[in-house]
Amino acid sequence: MTKGPQGDDIVILSRKEYDQLAAAADEDARDAKTLRRSIARAKSGEEEIFTSAEVDAFLAAKTPLAFFGKKRGMSQDDLAKRTGITQGYLSEIEIGRKSGDVRTLRKLADALKVSLDSLVPKEPSEEDTPRPARRKSKRAGP
């Protein structure tokens, strides 16, 4: 171990190692700031927290609308009446057969006390979509 002028242990790093440590410290500081903001939003009620069972239920639900309706304990009939749409139309949106227009989705989001973004599923990206396996072509022999 190398000693400094006062006899304390010192560490010598390459510039590359130092830059990597500094970048990691900056990233940690940003992560800590994000965490503090998320905790504050959760405490204020601005952000909802889900248990692991609720996350599983969300992922298993046909649509976010189906999940939030069930989580809020609202029947399709109750939710339809609150938003001024028919129960049949709500059912089709809830199972993903129809997408619903923006005004209807806004009414549903307001009734469920969630953001519009929470009800609109993210379109899968190309990397999220599994590609079909390539078929091996059978060639006739010579």
Protein backbone atom coordinates (compact mmCIF):
# COMPACT_ATOMS: atom_id res chain seq x y z
CA MET A 1 0.00 0.00 0.00
CA THR A 2 1.25 3.46 -0.90
CA LYS A 3 1.47 6.09 1.84
CA GLY A 4 0.85 9.81 1.59
CA PRO A 5 3.03 12.55 3.11
CA GLN A 6 1.20 12.25 6.46
CA GLY A 7 1.55 8.47 6.44
CA ASP A 8 -2.06 7.76 5.45
CA ASP A 9 -2.94 5.15 2.85
CA ILE A 10 -3.52 6.53 -0.64
CA VAL A 11 -4.91 4.96 -3.77
CA ILE A 12 -3.60 5.63 -7.23
CA LEU A 13 -6.02 5.26 -10.13
CA SER A 14 -5.67 5.62 -13.85
CA ARG A 15 -7.58 8.53 -15.40
CA LYS A 16 -9.95 6.01 -17.00
CA GLU A 17 -10.72 4.36 -13.63
CA TYR A 18 -11.20 7.78 -11.99
CA ASP A 19 -13.58 8.92 -14.77
CA GLN A 20 -15.58 5.68 -14.41
CA LEU A 21 -15.90 6.20 -10.64
CA ALA A 22 -16.92 9.84 -11.10
CA ALA A 23 -19.55 8.86 -13.70
CA ALA A 24 -20.91 6.15 -11.37
CA ALA A 25 -21.13 8.67 -8.51
CA ASP A 26 -23.02 11.12 -10.75
CA GLU A 27 -25.44 8.37 -11.78
CA ASP A 28 -25.98 7.40 -8.14
CA ALA A 29 -26.73 11.03 -7.26
CA ARG A 30 -29.29 11.27 -10.10
CA ASP A 31 -30.88 7.99 -9.00
CA ALA A 32 -31.11 9.22 -5.40
CA LYS A 33 -32.77 12.46 -6.58
CA THR A 34 -35.30 10.48 -8.66
CA LEU A 35 -36.04 8.24 -5.68
CA ARG A 36 -36.61 11.24 -3.37
CA ARG A 37 -39.04 12.75 -5.92
CA SER A 38 -40.90 9.44 -6.28
CA ILE A 39 -41.21 9.04 -2.51
CA ALA A 40 -42.53 12.60 -2.19
CA ARG A 41 -45.07 11.99 -4.99
CA ALA A 42 -46.22 8.75 -3.33
CA LYS A 43 -46.56 10.43 0.08
CA SER A 44 -48.58 13.28 -1.43
CA GLY A 45 -50.91 10.84 -3.18
CA GLU A 46 -49.84 12.15 -6.58
CA GLU A 47 -48.36 8.74 -7.44
CA GLU A 48 -50.01 5.41 -6.68
CA ILE A 49 -48.06 2.51 -5.22
CA PHE A 50 -48.84 -1.09 -6.15
CA THR A 51 -48.14 -4.29 -4.26
CA SER A 52 -46.43 -7.13 -6.11
CA ALA A 53 -49.80 -8.92 -6.29
CA GLU A 54 -51.34 -5.82 -7.91
CA VAL A 55 -48.49 -5.66 -10.43
CA ASP A 56 -49.15 -9.31 -11.28
CA ALA A 57 -52.88 -8.55 -11.66
CA PHE A 58 -52.10 -5.54 -13.86
CA LEU A 59 -49.89 -7.63 -16.12
CA ALA A 60 -52.51 -10.40 -16.29
CA ALA A 61 -55.41 -8.04 -17.09
CA LYS A 62 -56.55 -7.78 -20.72
CA THR A 63 -56.29 -3.97 -20.53
CA PRO A 64 -55.31 -1.36 -17.95
CA LEU A 65 -58.98 -0.34 -17.88
CA ALA A 66 -59.97 -3.83 -16.73
CA PHE A 67 -57.35 -3.73 -13.98
CA PHE A 68 -58.25 -0.28 -12.65
CA GLY A 69 -61.99 -0.97 -12.75
CA LYS A 70 -61.48 -4.07 -10.64
CA LYS A 71 -58.95 -2.35 -8.32
CA ARG A 72 -61.41 0.49 -7.68
CA GLY A 73 -64.24 -2.00 -7.03
CA MET A 74 -66.36 -0.56 -9.82
CA SER A 75 -68.64 -2.75 -11.88
CA GLN A 76 -68.89 -2.13 -15.60
CA ASP A 77 -72.44 -0.92 -15.09
CA ASP A 78 -71.40 1.63 -12.43
CA LEU A 79 -68.47 2.88 -14.50
CA ALA A 80 -70.59 3.11 -17.65
CA LYS A 81 -73.23 5.16 -15.83
CA ARG A 82 -70.61 7.51 -14.37
CA THR A 83 -69.11 8.15 -17.78
CA GLY A 84 -72.29 8.25 -19.86
CA ILE A 85 -71.52 5.30 -22.11
CA THR A 86 -73.25 1.98 -22.48
CA GLN A 87 -72.08 -1.03 -20.52
CA GLY A 88 -71.67 -2.95 -23.80
CA TYR A 89 -69.34 -0.31 -25.24
CA LEU A 90 -67.36 -0.22 -22.00
CA SER A 91 -67.05 -4.00 -22.09
CA GLU A 92 -65.62 -3.86 -25.61
CA ILE A 93 -63.07 -1.24 -24.56
CA GLU A 94 -62.23 -3.21 -21.43
CA ILE A 95 -61.46 -6.43 -23.34
CA GLY A 96 -59.55 -4.57 -26.04
CA ARG A 97 -62.02 -5.14 -28.87
CA LYS A 98 -62.50 -1.37 -29.24
CA SER A 99 -60.04 1.36 -28.35
CA GLY A 100 -62.45 4.16 -27.42
CA ASP A 101 -62.07 7.78 -28.41
CA VAL A 102 -60.01 10.25 -26.40
CA ARG A 103 -63.03 11.92 -24.77
CA THR A 104 -64.41 8.57 -23.57
CA LEU A 105 -61.01 7.47 -22.28
CA ARG A 106 -60.63 10.81 -20.45
CA LYS A 107 -64.02 10.30 -18.76
CA LEU A 108 -63.02 6.77 -17.78
CA ALA A 109 -59.67 7.95 -16.44
CA ASP A 110 -61.35 10.70 -14.42
CA ALA A 111 -63.93 8.28 -12.98
CA LEU A 112 -61.18 5.83 -12.01
CA LYS A 113 -58.92 8.63 -10.70
CA VAL A 114 -56.00 7.69 -12.96
CA SER A 115 -54.17 9.52 -15.71
CA LEU A 116 -55.17 9.02 -19.31
CA ASP A 117 -51.70 7.56 -19.89
CA SER A 118 -52.48 4.88 -17.31
CA LEU A 119 -55.38 3.61 -19.42
CA VAL A 120 -53.70 3.67 -22.81
CA PRO A 121 -51.44 0.66 -23.24
CA LYS A 122 -48.04 1.30 -24.71
CA GLU A 123 -47.71 0.18 -28.31
CA PRO A 124 -45.22 -2.67 -28.43
CA SER A 125 -41.94 -1.72 -30.00
CA GLU A 126 -40.21 -3.87 -32.56
CA GLU A 127 -37.91 -5.26 -29.88
CA ASP A 128 -40.89 -6.13 -27.62
CA THR A 129 -42.57 -8.11 -30.38
CA PRO A 130 -41.24 -11.64 -30.79
CA ARG A 131 -40.27 -12.47 -34.32
CA PRO A 132 -41.64 -15.61 -35.88
CA ALA A 133 -39.19 -18.46 -36.14
CA ARG A 134 -37.72 -18.91 -39.58
CA ARG A 135 -38.94 -21.95 -41.36
CA LYS A 136 -36.44 -24.24 -42.89
CA SER A 137 -37.35 -24.81 -46.48
CA LYS A 138 -37.53 -28.35 -47.62
CA ARG A 139 -35.81 -28.74 -50.90
CA ALA A 140 -36.44 -31.54 -53.20
CA GLY A 141 -33.43 -33.72 -53.63
CA PRO A 142 -31.29 -33.68 -56.83
